[in-house]
Amino acid sequence: MGPSKTLRLAATALVTALAVQSASSYTQVDVFDQSNFFKEFSFFTEPDPTNGFVKYVSAKIANDHGLAGYSKNSVYLGVDHANKTTSGRSSVRVTSNKAYTKGLFIADIQHMPSGRTDAGSCGLWPAFWMFGPGWPSSGEIDIIEGVNTQSSNAITLHTSSGCHMSNKGSLGSTKLVSSNCEGNAGCSQNTKATDNYGAGFNAAGGGVYAVEWADSSISVWFFSRDSSMASSLTSSDAAPDTSDFGQPLAVFGGSSCDISKHFKDNNLVFDTTFCGDWAGEVWDNDSTCSQLADSCEAYVGANPQAFANAYWLVNSIKVYQKKGSASKRVEKRFAA
């Protein structure tokens, strides 16, 4: 005699429950938000390694001058937008006290540094990124980055020699700029949508970036604020299943780079710098910005009011890892 209907239904329910529990092999290891952010991130106060027209200030100075703190339920990271300067605009750069090797990183960001329009962003170089010790031998992952009037995100990896990446699997509108990840240039992918960066990002209420760093590839997704996936990722701490994410905004992979060799022990970083080796270098090539002043430094120094909108509002960063991944606290701050 076979099992009763009740037993069959119970068995089905058990199988379904187990399937749900095993849908994701990730386990949450960290959450950074308004409850602990400034305990878990340290302020970088050395000269800018990218030669920016910036002065990174300490936690005390940032707090005293309103450059870092909390805005409602978000972490605020801003810049001085009240004073003219000839020596560099005050700003903050913060680095996580914990370093990671592989994992899934979910960043809920409400606002990023920009002008009120793309044209108003002249001189800015904001970034949310990861990097490890002995740059570039431990790798760098630039998740959100751009300069001046750029209206869409650029996603870039930097490594030591011997790493070439394809972008197979990336969104069709995302273009691979370079496949060679070595050094300062790195391997970069330019995206197209205007709601994933800068003024367009802010106008839409920000959104959620997800980064999966695995042995075979490094993938980046962006979910706009009004999407169901953004809502799901921000409302629950349950480990996500990346198979539900859809096609990534950018995928770095292929057989010509051993990711496990080139990437390890990466810290999370938020910063806002000005001019320097990128925004300053391309100033004359930007028809909008170059009309404002003879140099990037001259414009940034003389126009503090232009940077009132140059701040990060970070709701949370959630970190998930699989068995075999690694994380550790580090004492030294490396200055890539």
C-alpha atoms as a PDB file:
ATOM      1  CA  MET A   1       0.000   0.000   0.000  1.00  0.00           C
ATOM      2  CA  GLY A   2       1.480   3.357  -1.043  1.00  0.00           C
ATOM      3  CA  PRO A   3       1.881   6.404   1.179  1.00  0.00           C
ATOM      4  CA  SER A   4      -1.210   8.384   2.050  1.00  0.00           C
ATOM      5  CA  LYS A   5      -1.966  11.646   0.311  1.00  0.00           C
ATOM      6  CA  THR A   6      -1.045  13.457   3.515  1.00  0.00           C
ATOM      7  CA  LEU A   7       2.377  11.812   3.641  1.00  0.00           C
ATOM      8  CA  ARG A   8       2.999  12.486  -0.034  1.00  0.00           C
ATOM      9  CA  LEU A   9       2.167  16.166   0.439  1.00  0.00           C
ATOM     10  CA  ALA A  10       4.427  16.350   3.491  1.00  0.00           C
ATOM     11  CA  ALA A  11       7.285  14.760   1.552  1.00  0.00           C
ATOM     12  CA  THR A  12       6.775  17.214  -1.311  1.00  0.00           C
ATOM     13  CA  ALA A  13       6.799  20.136   1.111  1.00  0.00           C
ATOM     14  CA  LEU A  14      10.034  18.877   2.679  1.00  0.00           C
ATOM     15  CA  VAL A  15      11.741  18.558  -0.712  1.00  0.00           C
ATOM     16  CA  THR A  16      10.586  22.065  -1.645  1.00  0.00           C
ATOM     17  CA  ALA A  17      11.877  23.483   1.639  1.00  0.00           C
ATOM     18  CA  LEU A  18      15.268  21.834   1.180  1.00  0.00           C
ATOM     19  CA  ALA A  19      15.461  23.159  -2.373  1.00  0.00           C
ATOM     20  CA  VAL A  20      14.803  26.694  -1.138  1.00  0.00           C
ATOM     21  CA  GLN A  21      17.459  26.378   1.561  1.00  0.00           C
ATOM     22  CA  SER A  22      20.059  25.126  -0.894  1.00  0.00           C
ATOM     23  CA  ALA A  23      19.184  27.529  -3.725  1.00  0.00           C
ATOM     24  CA  SER A  24      22.145  29.680  -2.693  1.00  0.00           C
ATOM     25  CA  SER A  25      25.414  28.321  -1.375  1.00  0.00           C
ATOM     26  CA  TYR A  26      26.348  31.741   0.039  1.00  0.00           C
ATOM     27  CA  THR A  27      26.352  32.634   3.726  1.00  0.00           C
ATOM     28  CA  GLN A  28      26.208  36.213   4.963  1.00  0.00           C
ATOM     29  CA  VAL A  29      29.430  37.177   6.754  1.00  0.00           C
ATOM     30  CA  ASP A  30      29.130  40.957   7.132  1.00  0.00           C
ATOM     31  CA  VAL A  31      26.692  43.856   6.938  1.00  0.00           C
ATOM     32  CA  PHE A  32      27.909  47.450   6.990  1.00  0.00           C
ATOM     33  CA  ASP A  33      25.319  50.162   7.563  1.00  0.00           C
ATOM     34  CA  GLN A  34      24.488  53.085   9.857  1.00  0.00           C
ATOM     35  CA  SER A  35      24.899  50.832  12.890  1.00  0.00           C
ATOM     36  CA  ASN A  36      28.593  50.059  12.411  1.00  0.00           C
ATOM     37  CA  PHE A  37      30.046  51.652   9.265  1.00  0.00           C
ATOM     38  CA  PHE A  38      32.540  54.001  10.915  1.00  0.00           C
ATOM     39  CA  LYS A  39      33.701  51.247  13.258  1.00  0.00           C
ATOM     40  CA  GLU A  40      34.363  48.926  10.335  1.00  0.00           C
ATOM     41  CA  PHE A  41      35.934  51.444   7.900  1.00  0.00           C
ATOM     42  CA  SER A  42      39.063  53.546   8.471  1.00  0.00           C
ATOM     43  CA  PHE A  43      39.889  56.985   7.081  1.00  0.00           C
ATOM     44  CA  PHE A  44      42.800  57.255   4.664  1.00  0.00           C
ATOM     45  CA  THR A  45      44.798  60.457   5.205  1.00  0.00           C
ATOM     46  CA  GLU A  46      47.888  60.038   3.042  1.00  0.00           C
ATOM     47  CA  PRO A  47      48.517  61.938  -0.230  1.00  0.00           C
ATOM     48  CA  ASP A  48      46.280  60.726  -3.034  1.00  0.00           C
ATOM     49  CA  PRO A  49      48.106  57.978  -4.973  1.00  0.00           C
ATOM     50  CA  THR A  50      46.334  59.113  -8.159  1.00  0.00           C
ATOM     51  CA  ASN A  51      47.724  62.662  -7.770  1.00  0.00           C
ATOM     52  CA  GLY A  52      44.313  64.215  -7.284  1.00  0.00           C
ATOM     53  CA  PHE A  53      43.677  67.827  -6.305  1.00  0.00           C
ATOM     54  CA  VAL A  54      42.410  66.617  -2.942  1.00  0.00           C
ATOM     55  CA  LYS A  55      43.162  66.484   0.781  1.00  0.00           C
ATOM     56  CA  TYR A  56      41.841  63.329   2.409  1.00  0.00           C
ATOM     57  CA  VAL A  57      40.947  64.191   5.994  1.00  0.00           C
ATOM     58  CA  SER A  58      40.825  62.218   9.239  1.00  0.00           C
ATOM     59  CA  ALA A  59      37.669  60.934  10.895  1.00  0.00           C
ATOM     60  CA  LYS A  60      37.769  63.764  13.444  1.00  0.00           C
ATOM     61  CA  ILE A  61      38.140  66.499  10.833  1.00  0.00           C
ATOM     62  CA  ALA A  62      35.485  64.884   8.660  1.00  0.00           C
ATOM     63  CA  ASN A  63      33.096  64.781  11.601  1.00  0.00           C
ATOM     64  CA  ASP A  64      33.901  68.314  12.785  1.00  0.00           C
ATOM     65  CA  HIS A  65      33.378  69.789   9.314  1.00  0.00           C
ATOM     66  CA  GLY A  66      30.396  67.740   8.239  1.00  0.00           C
ATOM     67  CA  LEU A  67      32.223  65.703   5.615  1.00  0.00           C
ATOM     68  CA  ALA A  68      31.186  62.328   7.041  1.00  0.00           C
ATOM     69  CA  GLY A  69      28.419  61.078   9.277  1.00  0.00           C
ATOM     70  CA  TYR A  70      24.860  59.850   9.048  1.00  0.00           C
ATOM     71  CA  SER A  71      21.914  61.203   7.091  1.00  0.00           C
ATOM     72  CA  LYS A  72      18.722  59.566   8.359  1.00  0.00           C
ATOM     73  CA  ASN A  73      19.466  55.858   7.887  1.00  0.00           C
ATOM     74  CA  SER A  74      22.341  56.287   5.421  1.00  0.00           C
ATOM     75  CA  VAL A  75      26.096  56.769   5.679  1.00  0.00           C
ATOM     76  CA  TYR A  76      27.145  60.192   4.349  1.00  0.00           C
ATOM     77  CA  LEU A  77      30.588  60.700   2.744  1.00  0.00           C
ATOM     78  CA  GLY A  78      31.025  64.197   1.331  1.00  0.00           C
ATOM     79  CA  VAL A  79      33.477  66.898   0.289  1.00  0.00           C
ATOM     80  CA  ASP A  80      34.100  70.513   1.229  1.00  0.00           C
ATOM     81  CA  HIS A  81      31.784  72.652  -0.882  1.00  0.00           C
ATOM     82  CA  ALA A  82      32.121  75.912   1.043  1.00  0.00           C
ATOM     83  CA  ASN A  83      35.738  77.047   0.667  1.00  0.00           C
ATOM     84  CA  LYS A  84      37.995  78.011  -2.208  1.00  0.00           C
ATOM     85  CA  THR A  85      41.390  76.302  -2.242  1.00  0.00           C
ATOM     86  CA  THR A  86      44.721  76.382  -4.028  1.00  0.00           C
ATOM     87  CA  SER A  87      46.080  73.221  -2.418  1.00  0.00           C
ATOM     88  CA  GLY A  88      43.345  70.614  -2.869  1.00  0.00           C
ATOM     89  CA  ARG A  89      39.693  70.193  -1.919  1.00  0.00           C
ATOM     90  CA  SER A  90      38.984  68.374   1.341  1.00  0.00           C
ATOM     91  CA  SER A  91      37.307  65.007   0.917  1.00  0.00           C
ATOM     92  CA  VAL A  92      37.146  61.541   2.466  1.00  0.00           C
ATOM     93  CA  ARG A  93      38.410  58.137   1.464  1.00  0.00           C
ATOM     94  CA  VAL A  94      37.410  55.188   3.657  1.00  0.00           C
ATOM     95  CA  THR A  95      38.669  51.600   3.567  1.00  0.00           C
ATOM     96  CA  SER A  96      37.119  48.512   5.160  1.00  0.00           C
ATOM     97  CA  ASN A  97      39.050  47.021   8.053  1.00  0.00           C
ATOM     98  CA  LYS A  98      38.328  43.605   6.628  1.00  0.00           C
ATOM     99  CA  ALA A  99      39.753  42.150   3.401  1.00  0.00           C
ATOM    100  CA  TYR A 100      38.065  39.482   1.289  1.00  0.00           C
ATOM    101  CA  THR A 101      39.033  36.785  -1.155  1.00  0.00           C
ATOM    102  CA  LYS A 102      36.042  35.906  -3.334  1.00  0.00           C
ATOM    103  CA  GLY A 103      32.424  36.460  -2.421  1.00  0.00           C
ATOM    104  CA  LEU A 104      29.201  38.227  -3.306  1.00  0.00           C
ATOM    105  CA  PHE A 105      29.038  41.924  -2.432  1.00  0.00           C
ATOM    106  CA  ILE A 106      25.690  43.756  -2.441  1.00  0.00           C
ATOM    107  CA  ALA A 107      25.909  47.570  -2.204  1.00  0.00           C
ATOM    108  CA  ASP A 108      22.713  49.570  -1.717  1.00  0.00           C
ATOM    109  CA  ILE A 109      23.647  53.137  -2.651  1.00  0.00           C
ATOM    110  CA  GLN A 110      21.133  55.975  -2.575  1.00  0.00           C
ATOM    111  CA  HIS A 111      23.335  58.784  -3.943  1.00  0.00           C
ATOM    112  CA  MET A 112      26.800  59.141  -5.445  1.00  0.00           C
ATOM    113  CA  PRO A 113      29.004  62.195  -6.073  1.00  0.00           C
ATOM    114  CA  SER A 114      27.923  64.179  -9.129  1.00  0.00           C
ATOM    115  CA  GLY A 115      26.803  67.578 -10.273  1.00  0.00           C
ATOM    116  CA  ARG A 116      23.099  68.224 -10.578  1.00  0.00           C
ATOM    117  CA  THR A 117      23.602  67.444 -14.244  1.00  0.00           C
ATOM    118  CA  ASP A 118      26.380  65.510 -15.983  1.00  0.00           C
ATOM    119  CA  ALA A 119      27.901  68.841 -17.080  1.00  0.00           C
ATOM    120  CA  GLY A 120      28.049  69.929 -13.453  1.00  0.00           C
ATOM    121  CA  SER A 121      30.323  67.008 -12.595  1.00  0.00           C
ATOM    122  CA  CYS A 122      33.448  68.581 -14.107  1.00  0.00           C
ATOM    123  CA  GLY A 123      36.512  67.849 -11.983  1.00  0.00           C
ATOM    124  CA  LEU A 124      34.965  64.935 -10.091  1.00  0.00           C
ATOM    125  CA  TRP A 125      36.410  61.434  -9.904  1.00  0.00           C
ATOM    126  CA  PRO A 126      34.311  59.286  -7.543  1.00  0.00           C
ATOM    127  CA  ALA A 127      34.810  55.554  -7.058  1.00  0.00           C
ATOM    128  CA  PHE A 128      33.528  52.532  -5.168  1.00  0.00           C
ATOM    129  CA  TRP A 129      36.148  49.806  -5.520  1.00  0.00           C
ATOM    130  CA  MET A 130      38.178  46.960  -4.021  1.00  0.00           C
ATOM    131  CA  PHE A 131      41.919  46.312  -3.971  1.00  0.00           C
ATOM    132  CA  GLY A 132      44.546  44.218  -2.234  1.00  0.00           C
ATOM    133  CA  PRO A 133      48.110  44.602  -0.903  1.00  0.00           C
ATOM    134  CA  GLY A 134      51.153  45.134  -3.084  1.00  0.00           C
ATOM    135  CA  TRP A 135      49.178  46.826  -5.856  1.00  0.00           C
ATOM    136  CA  PRO A 136      48.522  45.575  -8.488  1.00  0.00           C
ATOM    137  CA  SER A 137      49.666  42.048  -7.584  1.00  0.00           C
ATOM    138  CA  SER A 138      46.545  41.340  -5.490  1.00  0.00           C
ATOM    139  CA  GLY A 139      44.152  42.911  -7.955  1.00  0.00           C
ATOM    140  CA  GLU A 140      41.727  45.819  -8.053  1.00  0.00           C
ATOM    141  CA  ILE A 141      38.016  45.790  -8.929  1.00  0.00           C
ATOM    142  CA  ASP A 142      36.550  49.198  -9.801  1.00  0.00           C
ATOM    143  CA  ILE A 143      32.806  48.737  -9.365  1.00  0.00           C
ATOM    144  CA  ILE A 144      31.612  52.333  -9.838  1.00  0.00           C
ATOM    145  CA  GLU A 145      33.958  54.863 -11.398  1.00  0.00           C
ATOM    146  CA  GLY A 146      33.989  57.804 -13.769  1.00  0.00           C
ATOM    147  CA  VAL A 147      35.150  61.371 -14.340  1.00  0.00           C
ATOM    148  CA  ASN A 148      33.901  64.766 -15.473  1.00  0.00           C
ATOM    149  CA  THR A 149      30.825  64.630 -17.767  1.00  0.00           C
ATOM    150  CA  GLN A 150      30.773  60.838 -18.011  1.00  0.00           C
ATOM    151  CA  SER A 151      27.132  59.708 -17.801  1.00  0.00           C
ATOM    152  CA  SER A 152      27.466  55.907 -17.587  1.00  0.00           C
ATOM    153  CA  ASN A 153      29.538  53.656 -15.367  1.00  0.00           C
ATOM    154  CA  ALA A 154      32.985  52.291 -16.268  1.00  0.00           C
ATOM    155  CA  ILE A 155      33.898  48.962 -14.643  1.00  0.00           C
ATOM    156  CA  THR A 156      37.594  48.085 -14.601  1.00  0.00           C
ATOM    157  CA  LEU A 157      40.005  45.466 -13.266  1.00  0.00           C
ATOM    158  CA  HIS A 158      43.709  46.040 -12.583  1.00  0.00           C
ATOM    159  CA  THR A 159      46.238  43.243 -12.104  1.00  0.00           C
ATOM    160  CA  SER A 160      49.887  42.343 -12.472  1.00  0.00           C
ATOM    161  CA  SER A 161      51.034  41.032 -15.855  1.00  0.00           C
ATOM    162  CA  GLY A 162      49.569  37.878 -17.346  1.00  0.00           C
ATOM    163  CA  CYS A 163      45.836  38.526 -17.031  1.00  0.00           C
ATOM    164  CA  HIS A 164      43.650  39.060 -20.104  1.00  0.00           C
ATOM    165  CA  MET A 165      39.862  39.046 -19.830  1.00  0.00           C
ATOM    166  CA  SER A 166      36.986  38.615 -22.244  1.00  0.00           C
ATOM    167  CA  ASN A 167      33.538  40.109 -21.638  1.00  0.00           C
ATOM    168  CA  LYS A 168      31.550  37.124 -22.843  1.00  0.00           C
ATOM    169  CA  GLY A 169      28.220  37.151 -21.019  1.00  0.00           C
ATOM    170  CA  SER A 170      28.105  40.913 -20.481  1.00  0.00           C
ATOM    171  CA  LEU A 171      25.021  42.904 -21.399  1.00  0.00           C
ATOM    172  CA  GLY A 172      25.029  43.529 -25.146  1.00  0.00           C
ATOM    173  CA  SER A 173      25.287  47.305 -24.733  1.00  0.00           C
ATOM    174  CA  THR A 174      28.407  47.002 -22.532  1.00  0.00           C
ATOM    175  CA  LYS A 175      31.614  47.375 -24.515  1.00  0.00           C
ATOM    176  CA  LEU A 176      35.030  45.922 -23.719  1.00  0.00           C
ATOM    177  CA  VAL A 177      37.583  48.719 -24.031  1.00  0.00           C
ATOM    178  CA  SER A 178      40.677  46.641 -23.303  1.00  0.00           C
ATOM    179  CA  SER A 179      41.269  42.973 -22.524  1.00  0.00           C
ATOM    180  CA  ASN A 180      44.694  43.415 -20.890  1.00  0.00           C
ATOM    181  CA  CYS A 181      44.221  43.971 -17.150  1.00  0.00           C
ATOM    182  CA  GLU A 182      47.840  44.844 -16.402  1.00  0.00           C
ATOM    183  CA  GLY A 183      48.736  48.024 -14.535  1.00  0.00           C
ATOM    184  CA  ASN A 184      47.182  51.484 -14.520  1.00  0.00           C
ATOM    185  CA  ALA A 185      45.130  51.113 -17.705  1.00  0.00           C
ATOM    186  CA  GLY A 186      43.572  47.797 -16.729  1.00  0.00           C
ATOM    187  CA  CYS A 187      40.824  45.962 -18.583  1.00  0.00           C
ATOM    188  CA  SER A 188      37.715  48.098 -18.721  1.00  0.00           C
ATOM    189  CA  GLN A 189      34.107  47.795 -19.804  1.00  0.00           C
ATOM    190  CA  ASN A 190      32.010  50.861 -20.602  1.00  0.00           C
ATOM    191  CA  THR A 191      28.303  50.637 -19.915  1.00  0.00           C
ATOM    192  CA  LYS A 192      25.535  52.527 -21.699  1.00  0.00           C
ATOM    193  CA  ALA A 193      22.582  53.136 -19.382  1.00  0.00           C
ATOM    194  CA  THR A 194      22.459  56.577 -17.780  1.00  0.00           C
ATOM    195  CA  ASP A 195      20.740  55.471 -14.572  1.00  0.00           C
ATOM    196  CA  ASN A 196      23.761  53.501 -13.299  1.00  0.00           C
ATOM    197  CA  TYR A 197      26.110  56.456 -12.704  1.00  0.00           C
ATOM    198  CA  GLY A 198      26.211  60.132 -11.779  1.00  0.00           C
ATOM    199  CA  ALA A 199      23.297  62.527 -12.102  1.00  0.00           C
ATOM    200  CA  GLY A 200      21.081  59.913 -13.735  1.00  0.00           C
ATOM    201  CA  PHE A 201      21.756  57.464 -10.909  1.00  0.00           C
ATOM    202  CA  ASN A 202      20.826  60.083  -8.324  1.00  0.00           C
ATOM    203  CA  ALA A 203      17.697  61.224 -10.151  1.00  0.00           C
ATOM    204  CA  ALA A 204      16.400  57.645 -10.010  1.00  0.00           C
ATOM    205  CA  GLY A 205      17.057  57.304  -6.282  1.00  0.00           C
ATOM    206  CA  GLY A 206      20.244  55.318  -6.732  1.00  0.00           C
ATOM    207  CA  GLY A 207      20.187  51.544  -6.894  1.00  0.00           C
ATOM    208  CA  VAL A 208      21.913  48.304  -5.982  1.00  0.00           C
ATOM    209  CA  TYR A 209      25.226  47.020  -7.340  1.00  0.00           C
ATOM    210  CA  ALA A 210      26.076  43.346  -6.946  1.00  0.00           C
ATOM    211  CA  VAL A 211      29.557  41.916  -7.520  1.00  0.00           C
ATOM    212  CA  GLU A 212      30.290  38.211  -7.635  1.00  0.00           C
ATOM    213  CA  TRP A 213      33.974  37.353  -7.393  1.00  0.00           C
ATOM    214  CA  ALA A 214      34.450  33.668  -8.189  1.00  0.00           C
ATOM    215  CA  ASP A 215      37.304  31.502  -9.438  1.00  0.00           C
ATOM    216  CA  SER A 216      36.031  31.536 -13.019  1.00  0.00           C
ATOM    217  CA  SER A 217      34.842  35.128 -13.425  1.00  0.00           C
ATOM    218  CA  ILE A 218      34.111  38.486 -11.833  1.00  0.00           C
ATOM    219  CA  SER A 219      30.580  39.661 -12.614  1.00  0.00           C
ATOM    220  CA  VAL A 220      28.802  42.948 -11.894  1.00  0.00           C
ATOM    221  CA  TRP A 221      25.050  43.607 -11.902  1.00  0.00           C
ATOM    222  CA  PHE A 222      23.111  46.847 -11.465  1.00  0.00           C
ATOM    223  CA  PHE A 223      19.501  46.944 -10.288  1.00  0.00           C
ATOM    224  CA  SER A 224      17.652  50.260 -10.494  1.00  0.00           C
ATOM    225  CA  ARG A 225      15.843  51.484  -7.390  1.00  0.00           C
ATOM    226  CA  ASP A 226      12.369  50.673  -8.741  1.00  0.00           C
ATOM    227  CA  SER A 227      13.247  47.090  -9.747  1.00  0.00           C
ATOM    228  CA  SER A 228      11.890  44.051  -7.922  1.00  0.00           C
ATOM    229  CA  MET A 229      15.418  42.661  -7.515  1.00  0.00           C
ATOM    230  CA  ALA A 230      16.621  45.837  -5.769  1.00  0.00           C
ATOM    231  CA  SER A 231      13.668  45.575  -3.431  1.00  0.00           C
ATOM    232  CA  SER A 232      14.373  41.913  -2.733  1.00  0.00           C
ATOM    233  CA  LEU A 233      18.079  42.411  -2.074  1.00  0.00           C
ATOM    234  CA  THR A 234      17.569  45.363   0.262  1.00  0.00           C
ATOM    235  CA  SER A 235      14.623  44.015   2.246  1.00  0.00           C
ATOM    236  CA  SER A 236      16.138  40.669   3.223  1.00  0.00           C
ATOM    237  CA  ASP A 237      19.434  39.363   4.544  1.00  0.00           C
ATOM    238  CA  ALA A 238      18.761  35.926   3.087  1.00  0.00           C
ATOM    239  CA  ALA A 239      21.604  34.711   0.883  1.00  0.00           C
ATOM    240  CA  PRO A 240      20.774  35.616  -2.728  1.00  0.00           C
ATOM    241  CA  ASP A 241      20.891  33.157  -5.602  1.00  0.00           C
ATOM    242  CA  THR A 242      22.771  34.863  -8.437  1.00  0.00           C
ATOM    243  CA  SER A 243      20.991  32.679 -10.993  1.00  0.00           C
ATOM    244  CA  ASP A 244      17.973  34.910 -10.326  1.00  0.00           C
ATOM    245  CA  PHE A 245      19.896  38.088 -11.168  1.00  0.00           C
ATOM    246  CA  GLY A 246      19.630  37.875 -14.947  1.00  0.00           C
ATOM    247  CA  GLN A 247      22.371  38.912 -17.359  1.00  0.00           C
ATOM    248  CA  PRO A 248      25.225  40.826 -15.689  1.00  0.00           C
ATOM    249  CA  LEU A 249      26.035  44.378 -16.631  1.00  0.00           C
ATOM    250  CA  ALA A 250      29.635  43.232 -17.036  1.00  0.00           C
ATOM    251  CA  VAL A 251      31.437  39.884 -16.895  1.00  0.00           C
ATOM    252  CA  PHE A 252      35.212  39.489 -16.789  1.00  0.00           C
ATOM    253  CA  GLY A 253      36.271  35.932 -17.583  1.00  0.00           C
ATOM    254  CA  GLY A 254      37.864  33.589 -20.073  1.00  0.00           C
ATOM    255  CA  SER A 255      40.777  31.194 -19.932  1.00  0.00           C
ATOM    256  CA  SER A 256      43.566  33.790 -20.156  1.00  0.00           C
ATOM    257  CA  CYS A 257      43.531  34.919 -16.540  1.00  0.00           C
ATOM    258  CA  ASP A 258      43.912  32.877 -13.379  1.00  0.00           C
ATOM    259  CA  ILE A 259      41.678  34.895 -11.082  1.00  0.00           C
ATOM    260  CA  SER A 260      42.806  32.997  -7.979  1.00  0.00           C
ATOM    261  CA  LYS A 261      46.379  34.026  -8.757  1.00  0.00           C
ATOM    262  CA  HIS A 262      45.712  37.683  -9.544  1.00  0.00           C
ATOM    263  CA  PHE A 263      43.060  38.589  -6.931  1.00  0.00           C
ATOM    264  CA  LYS A 264      43.161  38.157  -3.155  1.00  0.00           C
ATOM    265  CA  ASP A 265      42.659  40.013   0.141  1.00  0.00           C
ATOM    266  CA  ASN A 266      40.729  42.974  -1.279  1.00  0.00           C
ATOM    267  CA  ASN A 267      39.414  45.777   0.939  1.00  0.00           C
ATOM    268  CA  LEU A 268      36.315  47.803   0.073  1.00  0.00           C
ATOM    269  CA  VAL A 269      36.859  51.512  -0.620  1.00  0.00           C
ATOM    270  CA  PHE A 270      34.731  54.626  -1.154  1.00  0.00           C
ATOM    271  CA  ASP A 271      36.384  57.861  -2.199  1.00  0.00           C
ATOM    272  CA  THR A 272      35.874  61.122  -4.038  1.00  0.00           C
ATOM    273  CA  THR A 273      38.917  62.752  -5.576  1.00  0.00           C
ATOM    274  CA  PHE A 274      39.347  65.563  -8.100  1.00  0.00           C
ATOM    275  CA  CYS A 275      41.374  66.007 -11.277  1.00  0.00           C
ATOM    276  CA  GLY A 276      44.514  63.878 -10.987  1.00  0.00           C
ATOM    277  CA  ASP A 277      45.695  61.154 -13.339  1.00  0.00           C
ATOM    278  CA  TRP A 278      42.298  60.687 -14.990  1.00  0.00           C
ATOM    279  CA  ALA A 279      39.848  63.584 -14.562  1.00  0.00           C
ATOM    280  CA  GLY A 280      42.669  66.106 -14.860  1.00  0.00           C
ATOM    281  CA  GLU A 281      44.420  64.256 -17.668  1.00  0.00           C
ATOM    282  CA  VAL A 282      41.350  64.328 -19.939  1.00  0.00           C
ATOM    283  CA  TRP A 283      40.171  67.823 -18.955  1.00  0.00           C
ATOM    284  CA  ASP A 284      41.242  69.429 -22.229  1.00  0.00           C
ATOM    285  CA  ASN A 285      39.482  66.688 -24.201  1.00  0.00           C
ATOM    286  CA  ASP A 286      36.126  67.410 -22.578  1.00  0.00           C
ATOM    287  CA  SER A 287      34.468  70.211 -24.527  1.00  0.00           C
ATOM    288  CA  THR A 288      32.132  71.080 -21.652  1.00  0.00           C
ATOM    289  CA  CYS A 289      34.676  71.120 -18.850  1.00  0.00           C
ATOM    290  CA  SER A 290      37.534  72.745 -20.743  1.00  0.00           C
ATOM    291  CA  GLN A 291      35.377  75.834 -21.352  1.00  0.00           C
ATOM    292  CA  LEU A 292      34.986  76.390 -17.625  1.00  0.00           C
ATOM    293  CA  ALA A 293      38.671  76.960 -16.799  1.00  0.00           C
ATOM    294  CA  ASP A 294      42.141  76.490 -18.230  1.00  0.00           C
ATOM    295  CA  SER A 295      42.769  73.538 -15.929  1.00  0.00           C
ATOM    296  CA  CYS A 296      40.843  71.104 -13.788  1.00  0.00           C
ATOM    297  CA  GLU A 297      42.627  72.291 -10.635  1.00  0.00           C
ATOM    298  CA  ALA A 298      41.767  75.940 -11.328  1.00  0.00           C
ATOM    299  CA  TYR A 299      38.083  75.111 -11.692  1.00  0.00           C
ATOM    300  CA  VAL A 300      37.846  72.814  -8.664  1.00  0.00           C
ATOM    301  CA  GLY A 301      39.749  75.244  -6.455  1.00  0.00           C
ATOM    302  CA  ALA A 302      37.697  78.315  -7.336  1.00  0.00           C
ATOM    303  CA  ASN A 303      34.189  76.826  -7.409  1.00  0.00           C
ATOM    304  CA  PRO A 304      33.302  75.102  -4.129  1.00  0.00           C
ATOM    305  CA  GLN A 305      29.571  75.533  -4.715  1.00  0.00           C
ATOM    306  CA  ALA A 306      29.809  73.237  -7.748  1.00  0.00           C
ATOM    307  CA  PHE A 307      30.381  70.280  -5.421  1.00  0.00           C
ATOM    308  CA  ALA A 308      27.391  70.554  -3.100  1.00  0.00           C
ATOM    309  CA  ASN A 309      26.028  67.370  -4.698  1.00  0.00           C
ATOM    310  CA  ALA A 310      29.339  65.496  -4.522  1.00  0.00           C
ATOM    311  CA  TYR A 311      28.520  63.015  -1.779  1.00  0.00           C
ATOM    312  CA  TRP A 312      27.872  59.320  -1.221  1.00  0.00           C
ATOM    313  CA  LEU A 313      24.796  58.079   0.636  1.00  0.00           C
ATOM    314  CA  VAL A 314      25.324  54.404   1.379  1.00  0.00           C
ATOM    315  CA  ASN A 315      22.382  52.484   2.816  1.00  0.00           C
ATOM    316  CA  SER A 316      24.233  49.209   3.298  1.00  0.00           C
ATOM    317  CA  ILE A 317      26.849  46.793   2.035  1.00  0.00           C
ATOM    318  CA  LYS A 318      26.180  43.096   2.514  1.00  0.00           C
ATOM    319  CA  VAL A 319      28.923  40.509   2.077  1.00  0.00           C
ATOM    320  CA  TYR A 320      28.280  36.832   1.395  1.00  0.00           C
ATOM    321  CA  GLN A 321      30.835  34.079   0.963  1.00  0.00           C
ATOM    322  CA  LYS A 322      30.938  30.395   0.089  1.00  0.00           C
ATOM    323  CA  LYS A 323      32.939  27.688   1.792  1.00  0.00           C
ATOM    324  CA  GLY A 324      36.546  28.054   0.681  1.00  0.00           C
ATOM    325  CA  SER A 325      36.424  31.860   0.496  1.00  0.00           C
ATOM    326  CA  ALA A 326      38.428  33.948   2.937  1.00  0.00           C
ATOM    327  CA  SER A 327      38.176  37.153   4.921  1.00  0.00           C
ATOM    328  CA  LYS A 328      40.454  38.727   7.482  1.00  0.00           C
ATOM    329  CA  ARG A 329      41.000  41.913   9.415  1.00  0.00           C
ATOM    330  CA  VAL A 330      44.032  43.919   8.368  1.00  0.00           C
ATOM    331  CA  GLU A 331      45.967  46.596  10.220  1.00  0.00           C
ATOM    332  CA  LYS A 332      47.853  48.276   7.403  1.00  0.00           C
ATOM    333  CA  ARG A 333      46.065  50.394   4.817  1.00  0.00           C
ATOM    334  CA  PHE A 334      47.510  49.990   1.368  1.00  0.00           C
ATOM    335  CA  ALA A 335      47.449  53.020  -0.896  1.00  0.00           C
ATOM    336  CA  ALA A 336      46.680  51.962  -4.452  1.00  0.00           C
END
